[in-house]
Amino acid sequence: MDQWLTDTFSAPDATTMLGIAAKSTVIYLVVVFAMRLVGTRQLGQMTTYDFVLIVVVANAVQNALVGGDSTLAGGLVSALTLLLLNRLFTAFLSAFPWLEQRMVGEPVVLVSDGQPRLESMKREGVTPEELLAALREHAVGSLEDVRLAVLEVDGEISVVPKDSTVHRTRHRIGRVRTS
């Protein structure tokens, strides 16, 4: 019991802590960019195998984050590094809108006036079955009843039925990619 307390609550030296912070930084950046490459659909509409992938990736990088260090201090250094990086990354993206657009993406039109945009669906990894499921979730019976369906940056599909009232805004807030 005494050995466990000593091992858990002892503090690694400064070099070890810097190494943990550096490894945590590299892993954070690689995983963020890799998840961006996976695409918006997977992030917003996670399937069982997407969830398994995230769990397995987390397990795979766990030991690389802290190496053989199992101390509380080592875990805290890694966790605080990841939290700080996330905060800095968010601030960095806010400061550079062009980079935010590249990393976060932009909405993509999937259906326009009842006509599916098959190339956009294919590029974004949205299957016809997923599109039809989104229509059902919005109480829309068929593609012909859709004025607009958009894959949002969070992975959700927004649907505007043909019979809905359209409200125009004065200011353009963002862009919607149509191709």
N, C-alpha and C. Protein backbone atom coordinates (compact mmCIF):
# COMPACT_ATOMS: atom_id res chain seq x y z
N MET A 1 0.82 -1.19 0.00
CA MET A 1 0.00 0.00 0.00
C MET A 1 0.87 1.25 0.00
N ASP A 2 1.91 1.26 0.83
CA ASP A 2 2.79 2.42 0.88
C ASP A 2 3.49 2.65 -0.45
N GLN A 3 3.89 1.57 -1.13
CA GLN A 3 4.56 1.69 -2.43
C GLN A 3 3.60 2.28 -3.47
N TRP A 4 2.35 1.86 -3.43
CA TRP A 4 1.35 2.37 -4.36
C TRP A 4 1.16 3.87 -4.16
N LEU A 5 1.05 4.30 -2.91
CA LEU A 5 0.90 5.73 -2.61
C LEU A 5 2.11 6.51 -3.09
N THR A 6 3.28 5.98 -2.86
CA THR A 6 4.51 6.64 -3.29
C THR A 6 4.55 6.73 -4.81
N ASP A 7 4.25 5.62 -5.51
CA ASP A 7 4.30 5.61 -6.97
C ASP A 7 3.25 6.54 -7.57
N THR A 8 2.07 6.58 -6.98
CA THR A 8 0.97 7.37 -7.53
C THR A 8 1.17 8.86 -7.31
N PHE A 9 1.59 9.25 -6.13
CA PHE A 9 1.65 10.66 -5.78
C PHE A 9 3.03 11.28 -5.89
N SER A 10 4.02 10.51 -6.30
CA SER A 10 5.33 11.10 -6.49
C SER A 10 5.31 11.96 -7.76
N ALA A 11 6.15 12.95 -7.79
CA ALA A 11 6.20 13.85 -8.94
C ALA A 11 7.38 13.49 -9.83
N PRO A 12 7.12 13.34 -11.14
CA PRO A 12 8.24 13.10 -12.05
C PRO A 12 9.11 14.35 -12.14
N ASP A 13 10.33 14.17 -12.62
CA ASP A 13 11.21 15.34 -12.74
C ASP A 13 10.74 16.24 -13.88
N ALA A 14 11.31 17.43 -13.95
CA ALA A 14 10.88 18.43 -14.93
C ALA A 14 11.05 17.94 -16.36
N THR A 15 12.12 17.22 -16.63
CA THR A 15 12.36 16.69 -17.98
C THR A 15 11.27 15.72 -18.38
N THR A 16 10.88 14.85 -17.46
CA THR A 16 9.81 13.90 -17.74
C THR A 16 8.50 14.62 -18.00
N MET A 17 8.21 15.63 -17.18
CA MET A 17 6.96 16.38 -17.37
C MET A 17 6.96 17.12 -18.71
N LEU A 18 8.09 17.70 -19.10
CA LEU A 18 8.17 18.37 -20.41
C LEU A 18 7.99 17.35 -21.54
N GLY A 19 8.56 16.16 -21.36
CA GLY A 19 8.38 15.11 -22.36
C GLY A 19 6.92 14.70 -22.49
N ILE A 20 6.23 14.59 -21.36
CA ILE A 20 4.80 14.25 -21.39
C ILE A 20 4.02 15.35 -22.10
N ALA A 21 4.32 16.60 -21.80
CA ALA A 21 3.64 17.73 -22.44
C ALA A 21 3.91 17.74 -23.95
N ALA A 22 5.13 17.48 -24.35
CA ALA A 22 5.49 17.47 -25.77
C ALA A 22 4.78 16.33 -26.51
N LYS A 23 4.78 15.14 -25.92
CA LYS A 23 4.10 14.00 -26.55
C LYS A 23 2.60 14.25 -26.63
N SER A 24 2.03 14.82 -25.59
CA SER A 24 0.60 15.13 -25.59
C SER A 24 0.27 16.13 -26.70
N THR A 25 1.14 17.11 -26.91
CA THR A 25 0.94 18.11 -27.96
C THR A 25 0.95 17.47 -29.34
N VAL A 26 1.94 16.65 -29.60
CA VAL A 26 2.05 15.99 -30.91
C VAL A 26 0.83 15.10 -31.16
N ILE A 27 0.44 14.33 -30.17
CA ILE A 27 -0.70 13.43 -30.34
C ILE A 27 -1.99 14.22 -30.56
N TYR A 28 -2.17 15.29 -29.81
CA TYR A 28 -3.36 16.13 -29.97
C TYR A 28 -3.45 16.64 -31.41
N LEU A 29 -2.35 17.21 -31.91
CA LEU A 29 -2.36 17.78 -33.25
C LEU A 29 -2.62 16.71 -34.32
N VAL A 30 -1.98 15.56 -34.18
CA VAL A 30 -2.18 14.49 -35.16
C VAL A 30 -3.63 14.00 -35.14
N VAL A 31 -4.19 13.80 -33.96
CA VAL A 31 -5.57 13.31 -33.87
C VAL A 31 -6.56 14.35 -34.38
N VAL A 32 -6.36 15.64 -34.08
CA VAL A 32 -7.26 16.69 -34.58
C VAL A 32 -7.25 16.70 -36.10
N PHE A 33 -6.07 16.68 -36.70
CA PHE A 33 -5.99 16.71 -38.16
C PHE A 33 -6.53 15.42 -38.77
N ALA A 34 -6.29 14.30 -38.13
CA ALA A 34 -6.81 13.02 -38.63
C ALA A 34 -8.33 13.00 -38.57
N MET A 35 -8.90 13.51 -37.49
CA MET A 35 -10.36 13.55 -37.38
C MET A 35 -10.95 14.49 -38.42
N ARG A 36 -10.24 15.55 -38.76
CA ARG A 36 -10.72 16.46 -39.81
C ARG A 36 -10.74 15.75 -41.15
N LEU A 37 -9.75 14.90 -41.39
CA LEU A 37 -9.71 14.15 -42.64
C LEU A 37 -10.83 13.12 -42.72
N VAL A 38 -11.27 12.62 -41.57
CA VAL A 38 -12.35 11.63 -41.55
C VAL A 38 -13.63 12.24 -42.10
N GLY A 39 -13.89 13.50 -41.82
CA GLY A 39 -15.05 14.18 -42.39
C GLY A 39 -16.10 14.57 -41.37
N THR A 40 -16.98 15.47 -41.79
CA THR A 40 -17.99 16.00 -40.87
C THR A 40 -19.05 14.99 -40.51
N ARG A 41 -19.45 14.14 -41.42
CA ARG A 41 -20.52 13.20 -41.12
C ARG A 41 -20.16 12.34 -39.92
N GLN A 42 -18.95 11.83 -39.89
CA GLN A 42 -18.56 10.95 -38.81
C GLN A 42 -18.55 11.67 -37.47
N LEU A 43 -18.22 12.93 -37.45
CA LEU A 43 -18.16 13.64 -36.18
C LEU A 43 -19.54 13.96 -35.63
N GLY A 44 -20.48 14.29 -36.49
CA GLY A 44 -21.80 14.69 -36.03
C GLY A 44 -22.77 13.54 -35.90
N GLN A 45 -22.62 12.51 -36.71
CA GLN A 45 -23.55 11.39 -36.70
C GLN A 45 -22.76 10.11 -36.53
N MET A 46 -22.27 9.90 -35.33
CA MET A 46 -21.38 8.79 -35.05
C MET A 46 -22.12 7.45 -35.08
N THR A 47 -21.58 6.53 -35.83
CA THR A 47 -22.11 5.17 -35.86
C THR A 47 -21.36 4.34 -34.83
N THR A 48 -21.77 3.09 -34.68
CA THR A 48 -21.11 2.21 -33.72
C THR A 48 -19.64 2.04 -34.06
N TYR A 49 -19.33 1.82 -35.33
CA TYR A 49 -17.93 1.62 -35.70
C TYR A 49 -17.11 2.90 -35.59
N ASP A 50 -17.75 4.08 -35.74
CA ASP A 50 -17.05 5.34 -35.50
C ASP A 50 -16.68 5.46 -34.02
N PHE A 51 -17.63 5.09 -33.15
CA PHE A 51 -17.38 5.13 -31.71
C PHE A 51 -16.25 4.17 -31.33
N VAL A 52 -16.29 2.96 -31.90
CA VAL A 52 -15.23 1.98 -31.63
C VAL A 52 -13.89 2.53 -32.09
N LEU A 53 -13.85 3.17 -33.24
CA LEU A 53 -12.61 3.76 -33.73
C LEU A 53 -12.05 4.77 -32.74
N ILE A 54 -12.90 5.64 -32.21
CA ILE A 54 -12.43 6.66 -31.26
C ILE A 54 -11.92 6.00 -29.98
N VAL A 55 -12.62 4.99 -29.49
CA VAL A 55 -12.17 4.29 -28.28
C VAL A 55 -10.84 3.61 -28.52
N VAL A 56 -10.69 2.96 -29.66
CA VAL A 56 -9.44 2.26 -29.97
C VAL A 56 -8.29 3.25 -30.15
N VAL A 57 -8.55 4.37 -30.82
CA VAL A 57 -7.51 5.40 -30.98
C VAL A 57 -7.10 5.93 -29.62
N ALA A 58 -8.08 6.20 -28.76
CA ALA A 58 -7.77 6.69 -27.42
C ALA A 58 -6.91 5.69 -26.66
N ASN A 59 -7.24 4.43 -26.77
CA ASN A 59 -6.45 3.41 -26.09
C ASN A 59 -5.05 3.30 -26.69
N ALA A 60 -4.97 3.44 -28.01
CA ALA A 60 -3.68 3.32 -28.68
C ALA A 60 -2.72 4.44 -28.29
N VAL A 61 -3.26 5.65 -28.10
CA VAL A 61 -2.38 6.77 -27.79
C VAL A 61 -2.19 6.99 -26.29
N GLN A 62 -2.95 6.29 -25.48
CA GLN A 62 -2.87 6.49 -24.02
C GLN A 62 -1.46 6.34 -23.49
N ASN A 63 -0.82 5.24 -23.81
CA ASN A 63 0.53 5.03 -23.30
C ASN A 63 1.53 6.00 -23.91
N ALA A 64 1.29 6.41 -25.15
CA ALA A 64 2.21 7.36 -25.77
C ALA A 64 2.12 8.74 -25.11
N LEU A 65 0.97 9.07 -24.55
CA LEU A 65 0.82 10.37 -23.90
C LEU A 65 1.74 10.52 -22.71
N VAL A 66 1.79 9.53 -21.86
CA VAL A 66 2.55 9.65 -20.62
C VAL A 66 3.71 8.66 -20.53
N GLY A 67 3.90 7.84 -21.58
CA GLY A 67 4.97 6.85 -21.53
C GLY A 67 4.69 5.85 -20.42
N GLY A 68 5.69 5.49 -19.70
CA GLY A 68 5.51 4.55 -18.60
C GLY A 68 5.14 5.22 -17.29
N ASP A 69 4.95 6.52 -17.33
CA ASP A 69 4.66 7.28 -16.12
C ASP A 69 3.22 7.03 -15.68
N SER A 70 3.02 6.48 -14.50
CA SER A 70 1.67 6.24 -13.99
C SER A 70 1.36 7.10 -12.78
N THR A 71 2.12 8.18 -12.62
CA THR A 71 1.90 9.05 -11.46
C THR A 71 0.72 9.98 -11.73
N LEU A 72 0.14 10.45 -10.67
CA LEU A 72 -0.94 11.43 -10.76
C LEU A 72 -0.44 12.69 -11.45
N ALA A 73 0.75 13.13 -11.10
CA ALA A 73 1.32 14.34 -11.69
C ALA A 73 1.49 14.18 -13.20
N GLY A 74 1.94 13.03 -13.66
CA GLY A 74 2.10 12.78 -15.09
C GLY A 74 0.78 12.84 -15.82
N GLY A 75 -0.26 12.23 -15.24
CA GLY A 75 -1.59 12.28 -15.84
C GLY A 75 -2.14 13.68 -15.88
N LEU A 76 -1.93 14.43 -14.80
CA LEU A 76 -2.41 15.81 -14.75
C LEU A 76 -1.69 16.69 -15.76
N VAL A 77 -0.38 16.50 -15.92
CA VAL A 77 0.38 17.26 -16.92
C VAL A 77 -0.18 16.99 -18.31
N SER A 78 -0.44 15.72 -18.62
CA SER A 78 -0.99 15.37 -19.93
C SER A 78 -2.38 15.97 -20.12
N ALA A 79 -3.25 15.82 -19.13
CA ALA A 79 -4.61 16.34 -19.24
C ALA A 79 -4.62 17.86 -19.36
N LEU A 80 -3.84 18.54 -18.54
CA LEU A 80 -3.79 20.00 -18.61
C LEU A 80 -3.20 20.48 -19.94
N THR A 81 -2.22 19.77 -20.45
CA THR A 81 -1.65 20.11 -21.76
C THR A 81 -2.72 20.00 -22.84
N LEU A 82 -3.50 18.91 -22.83
CA LEU A 82 -4.54 18.72 -23.83
C LEU A 82 -5.63 19.80 -23.71
N LEU A 83 -6.03 20.13 -22.50
CA LEU A 83 -7.04 21.17 -22.30
C LEU A 83 -6.53 22.54 -22.78
N LEU A 84 -5.29 22.85 -22.44
CA LEU A 84 -4.69 24.11 -22.87
C LEU A 84 -4.57 24.17 -24.39
N LEU A 85 -4.12 23.08 -24.99
CA LEU A 85 -4.01 23.04 -26.45
C LEU A 85 -5.36 23.25 -27.12
N ASN A 86 -6.38 22.62 -26.57
CA ASN A 86 -7.72 22.78 -27.14
C ASN A 86 -8.16 24.24 -27.07
N ARG A 87 -7.91 24.87 -25.94
CA ARG A 87 -8.28 26.29 -25.77
C ARG A 87 -7.49 27.17 -26.75
N LEU A 88 -6.18 26.92 -26.87
CA LEU A 88 -5.34 27.69 -27.78
C LEU A 88 -5.74 27.46 -29.24
N PHE A 89 -6.04 26.23 -29.57
CA PHE A 89 -6.42 25.88 -30.93
C PHE A 89 -7.72 26.59 -31.30
N THR A 90 -8.68 26.61 -30.39
CA THR A 90 -9.95 27.31 -30.63
C THR A 90 -9.72 28.80 -30.81
N ALA A 91 -8.88 29.40 -29.98
CA ALA A 91 -8.58 30.83 -30.10
C ALA A 91 -7.85 31.11 -31.42
N PHE A 92 -6.94 30.23 -31.79
CA PHE A 92 -6.19 30.38 -33.04
C PHE A 92 -7.13 30.34 -34.24
N LEU A 93 -8.08 29.39 -34.23
CA LEU A 93 -9.03 29.30 -35.33
C LEU A 93 -9.92 30.54 -35.40
N SER A 94 -10.28 31.08 -34.24
CA SER A 94 -11.11 32.30 -34.23
C SER A 94 -10.34 33.49 -34.79
N ALA A 95 -9.05 33.52 -34.58
CA ALA A 95 -8.23 34.63 -35.06
C ALA A 95 -7.98 34.55 -36.57
N PHE A 96 -8.08 33.36 -37.15
CA PHE A 96 -7.83 33.17 -38.57
C PHE A 96 -9.03 32.47 -39.21
N PRO A 97 -10.02 33.25 -39.64
CA PRO A 97 -11.25 32.66 -40.20
C PRO A 97 -11.00 31.72 -41.38
N TRP A 98 -10.03 32.02 -42.21
CA TRP A 98 -9.74 31.15 -43.35
C TRP A 98 -9.29 29.77 -42.89
N LEU A 99 -8.53 29.73 -41.79
CA LEU A 99 -8.08 28.45 -41.26
C LEU A 99 -9.24 27.71 -40.59
N GLU A 100 -10.09 28.48 -39.91
CA GLU A 100 -11.26 27.86 -39.29
C GLU A 100 -12.14 27.22 -40.35
N GLN A 101 -12.32 27.91 -41.46
CA GLN A 101 -13.12 27.36 -42.56
C GLN A 101 -12.50 26.07 -43.08
N ARG A 102 -11.17 26.02 -43.18
CA ARG A 102 -10.48 24.81 -43.65
C ARG A 102 -10.62 23.66 -42.65
N MET A 103 -10.47 23.96 -41.37
CA MET A 103 -10.50 22.92 -40.34
C MET A 103 -11.92 22.49 -39.98
N VAL A 104 -12.82 23.45 -39.84
CA VAL A 104 -14.17 23.13 -39.40
C VAL A 104 -15.05 22.77 -40.60
N GLY A 105 -14.78 23.37 -41.73
CA GLY A 105 -15.56 23.10 -42.92
C GLY A 105 -16.66 24.12 -43.10
N GLU A 106 -17.51 23.87 -44.06
CA GLU A 106 -18.63 24.75 -44.33
C GLU A 106 -19.82 23.88 -44.72
N PRO A 107 -21.03 24.40 -44.55
CA PRO A 107 -22.21 23.62 -44.90
C PRO A 107 -22.20 23.25 -46.39
N VAL A 108 -22.79 22.09 -46.71
CA VAL A 108 -22.83 21.60 -48.08
C VAL A 108 -24.27 21.26 -48.45
N VAL A 109 -24.73 21.77 -49.58
CA VAL A 109 -26.08 21.47 -50.05
C VAL A 109 -26.12 20.04 -50.56
N LEU A 110 -27.07 19.26 -50.03
CA LEU A 110 -27.25 17.87 -50.45
C LEU A 110 -28.46 17.70 -51.37
N VAL A 111 -29.49 18.53 -51.14
CA VAL A 111 -30.69 18.49 -51.97
C VAL A 111 -31.12 19.93 -52.23
N SER A 112 -31.45 20.21 -53.49
CA SER A 112 -31.93 21.54 -53.85
C SER A 112 -33.17 21.37 -54.73
N ASP A 113 -34.29 21.91 -54.28
CA ASP A 113 -35.56 21.81 -55.00
C ASP A 113 -35.89 20.38 -55.41
N GLY A 114 -35.76 19.47 -54.46
CA GLY A 114 -36.14 18.07 -54.68
C GLY A 114 -35.12 17.24 -55.43
N GLN A 115 -34.02 17.85 -55.86
CA GLN A 115 -33.00 17.13 -56.63
C GLN A 115 -31.77 16.86 -55.77
N PRO A 116 -31.44 15.59 -55.56
CA PRO A 116 -30.24 15.29 -54.76
C PRO A 116 -28.97 15.69 -55.50
N ARG A 117 -28.02 16.15 -54.77
CA ARG A 117 -26.70 16.47 -55.33
C ARG A 117 -25.79 15.29 -55.01
N LEU A 118 -25.79 14.32 -55.91
CA LEU A 118 -25.12 13.05 -55.66
C LEU A 118 -23.62 13.20 -55.47
N GLU A 119 -22.99 14.10 -56.24
CA GLU A 119 -21.55 14.31 -56.08
C GLU A 119 -21.21 14.86 -54.69
N SER A 120 -22.01 15.80 -54.22
CA SER A 120 -21.79 16.35 -52.88
C SER A 120 -21.99 15.28 -51.82
N MET A 121 -23.03 14.47 -51.99
CA MET A 121 -23.29 13.39 -51.04
C MET A 121 -22.13 12.40 -51.01
N LYS A 122 -21.66 12.03 -52.19
CA LYS A 122 -20.55 11.08 -52.28
C LYS A 122 -19.29 11.65 -51.63
N ARG A 123 -18.97 12.90 -51.95
CA ARG A 123 -17.76 13.53 -51.41
C ARG A 123 -17.81 13.63 -49.88
N GLU A 124 -19.01 13.90 -49.33
CA GLU A 124 -19.16 14.06 -47.89
C GLU A 124 -19.43 12.75 -47.17
N GLY A 125 -19.59 11.66 -47.92
CA GLY A 125 -19.81 10.36 -47.29
C GLY A 125 -21.21 10.17 -46.76
N VAL A 126 -22.19 10.85 -47.35
CA VAL A 126 -23.58 10.72 -46.94
C VAL A 126 -24.27 9.76 -47.91
N THR A 127 -24.79 8.68 -47.37
CA THR A 127 -25.47 7.69 -48.21
C THR A 127 -26.91 8.12 -48.45
N PRO A 128 -27.53 7.61 -49.51
CA PRO A 128 -28.96 7.91 -49.73
C PRO A 128 -29.83 7.50 -48.53
N GLU A 129 -29.48 6.40 -47.88
CA GLU A 129 -30.24 5.95 -46.71
C GLU A 129 -30.14 6.96 -45.56
N GLU A 130 -28.96 7.53 -45.35
CA GLU A 130 -28.79 8.54 -44.30
C GLU A 130 -29.58 9.81 -44.63
N LEU A 131 -29.58 10.19 -45.90
CA LEU A 131 -30.34 11.36 -46.31
C LEU A 131 -31.83 11.13 -46.09
N LEU A 132 -32.33 9.96 -46.49
CA LEU A 132 -33.75 9.66 -46.29
C LEU A 132 -34.10 9.59 -44.81
N ALA A 133 -33.19 9.08 -43.99
CA ALA A 133 -33.43 9.05 -42.54
C ALA A 133 -33.55 10.48 -42.00
N ALA A 134 -32.71 11.38 -42.49
CA ALA A 134 -32.78 12.78 -42.05
C ALA A 134 -34.11 13.41 -42.49
N LEU A 135 -34.57 13.06 -43.68
CA LEU A 135 -35.86 13.58 -44.13
C LEU A 135 -36.98 13.10 -43.21
N ARG A 136 -36.94 11.82 -42.85
CA ARG A 136 -37.96 11.28 -41.95
C ARG A 136 -37.91 11.96 -40.59
N GLU A 137 -36.70 12.24 -40.10
CA GLU A 137 -36.56 12.93 -38.81
C GLU A 137 -37.19 14.32 -38.85
N HIS A 138 -37.24 14.92 -40.03
CA HIS A 138 -37.83 16.25 -40.19
C HIS A 138 -39.26 16.16 -40.72
N ALA A 139 -39.84 14.97 -40.66
CA ALA A 139 -41.23 14.73 -41.09
C ALA A 139 -41.46 15.09 -42.55
N VAL A 140 -40.47 14.81 -43.39
CA VAL A 140 -40.59 15.04 -44.82
C VAL A 140 -40.64 13.67 -45.48
N GLY A 141 -41.67 13.47 -46.32
CA GLY A 141 -41.90 12.14 -46.88
C GLY A 141 -41.01 11.73 -48.04
N SER A 142 -40.63 12.68 -48.88
CA SER A 142 -39.84 12.31 -50.05
C SER A 142 -38.96 13.47 -50.49
N LEU A 143 -38.03 13.17 -51.39
CA LEU A 143 -37.12 14.19 -51.91
C LEU A 143 -37.88 15.31 -52.61
N GLU A 144 -38.98 14.97 -53.28
CA GLU A 144 -39.76 15.97 -54.00
C GLU A 144 -40.32 17.04 -53.06
N ASP A 145 -40.44 16.71 -51.78
CA ASP A 145 -40.99 17.65 -50.80
C ASP A 145 -39.92 18.51 -50.14
N VAL A 146 -38.68 18.44 -50.65
CA VAL A 146 -37.56 19.16 -50.04
C VAL A 146 -37.19 20.37 -50.88
N ARG A 147 -37.18 21.53 -50.25
CA ARG A 147 -36.67 22.74 -50.90
C ARG A 147 -35.15 22.74 -50.81
N LEU A 148 -34.65 22.40 -49.61
CA LEU A 148 -33.21 22.43 -49.37
C LEU A 148 -32.85 21.46 -48.25
N ALA A 149 -31.79 20.70 -48.45
CA ALA A 149 -31.22 19.86 -47.39
C ALA A 149 -29.73 20.16 -47.36
N VAL A 150 -29.23 20.48 -46.17
CA VAL A 150 -27.85 20.93 -46.03
C VAL A 150 -27.15 20.11 -44.97
N LEU A 151 -25.96 19.61 -45.30
CA LEU A 151 -25.09 18.98 -44.32
C LEU A 151 -24.37 20.09 -43.59
N GLU A 152 -24.69 20.26 -42.31
CA GLU A 152 -24.10 21.33 -41.52
C GLU A 152 -22.69 20.93 -41.07
N VAL A 153 -21.92 21.89 -40.57
CA VAL A 153 -20.54 21.61 -40.18
C VAL A 153 -20.45 20.67 -38.98
N ASP A 154 -21.52 20.56 -38.21
CA ASP A 154 -21.51 19.65 -37.07
C ASP A 154 -21.93 18.23 -37.45
N GLY A 155 -22.22 18.01 -38.76
CA GLY A 155 -22.58 16.69 -39.22
C GLY A 155 -24.08 16.45 -39.30
N GLU A 156 -24.87 17.35 -38.78
CA GLU A 156 -26.33 17.21 -38.84
C GLU A 156 -26.82 17.62 -40.23
N ILE A 157 -27.95 17.05 -40.64
CA ILE A 157 -28.55 17.44 -41.91
C ILE A 157 -29.78 18.27 -41.61
N SER A 158 -29.77 19.52 -42.07
CA SER A 158 -30.92 20.41 -41.93
C SER A 158 -31.78 20.25 -43.16
N VAL A 159 -33.11 20.24 -42.96
CA VAL A 159 -34.04 20.06 -44.06
C VAL A 159 -35.06 21.18 -44.04
N VAL A 160 -35.25 21.82 -45.20
CA VAL A 160 -36.27 22.85 -45.36
C VAL A 160 -37.30 22.29 -46.33
N PRO A 161 -38.53 22.01 -45.84
CA PRO A 161 -39.57 21.48 -46.73
C PRO A 161 -40.00 22.52 -47.77
N LYS A 162 -40.49 22.04 -48.90
CA LYS A 162 -40.93 22.95 -49.97
C LYS A 162 -42.05 23.87 -49.53
N ASP A 163 -42.93 23.38 -48.66
CA ASP A 163 -44.09 24.18 -48.27
C ASP A 163 -43.81 25.13 -47.10
N SER A 164 -42.55 25.22 -46.66
CA SER A 164 -42.23 26.10 -45.53
C SER A 164 -42.09 27.54 -46.00
N THR A 165 -42.32 28.45 -45.08
CA THR A 165 -42.16 29.87 -45.35
C THR A 165 -40.67 30.20 -45.26
N VAL A 166 -40.18 30.90 -46.26
CA VAL A 166 -38.77 31.27 -46.28
C VAL A 166 -38.62 32.67 -45.72
N HIS A 167 -37.75 32.82 -44.76
CA HIS A 167 -37.44 34.12 -44.19
C HIS A 167 -36.04 34.50 -44.63
N ARG A 168 -35.93 35.64 -45.24
CA ARG A 168 -34.62 36.10 -45.72
C ARG A 168 -33.97 36.95 -44.65
N THR A 169 -32.65 36.84 -44.54
CA THR A 169 -31.91 37.69 -43.61
C THR A 169 -31.23 38.80 -44.40
N ARG A 170 -31.00 39.90 -43.73
CA ARG A 170 -30.35 41.04 -44.38
C ARG A 170 -28.87 40.81 -44.59
N HIS A 171 -28.25 40.16 -43.63
CA HIS A 171 -26.79 40.01 -43.68
C HIS A 171 -26.44 38.56 -43.92
N ARG A 172 -25.46 38.38 -44.74
CA ARG A 172 -24.96 37.03 -44.99
C ARG A 172 -24.04 36.67 -43.83
N ILE A 173 -24.36 35.60 -43.14
CA ILE A 173 -23.58 35.19 -41.98
C ILE A 173 -22.42 34.30 -42.40
N GLY A 174 -22.66 33.36 -43.25
CA GLY A 174 -21.62 32.43 -43.65
C GLY A 174 -21.89 31.94 -45.06
N ARG A 175 -21.06 31.05 -45.51
CA ARG A 175 -21.21 30.50 -46.85
C ARG A 175 -21.74 29.08 -46.79
N VAL A 176 -22.43 28.69 -47.84
CA VAL A 176 -22.88 27.31 -48.00
C VAL A 176 -22.28 26.83 -49.30
N ARG A 177 -21.51 25.77 -49.24
CA ARG A 177 -20.91 25.21 -50.45
C ARG A 177 -21.99 24.47 -51.22
N THR A 178 -22.13 24.76 -52.50
CA THR A 178 -23.18 24.15 -53.30
C THR A 178 -22.67 23.06 -54.23
N SER A 179 -21.41 22.83 -54.26
CA SER A 179 -20.92 21.76 -55.14
C SER A 179 -19.97 20.86 -54.41
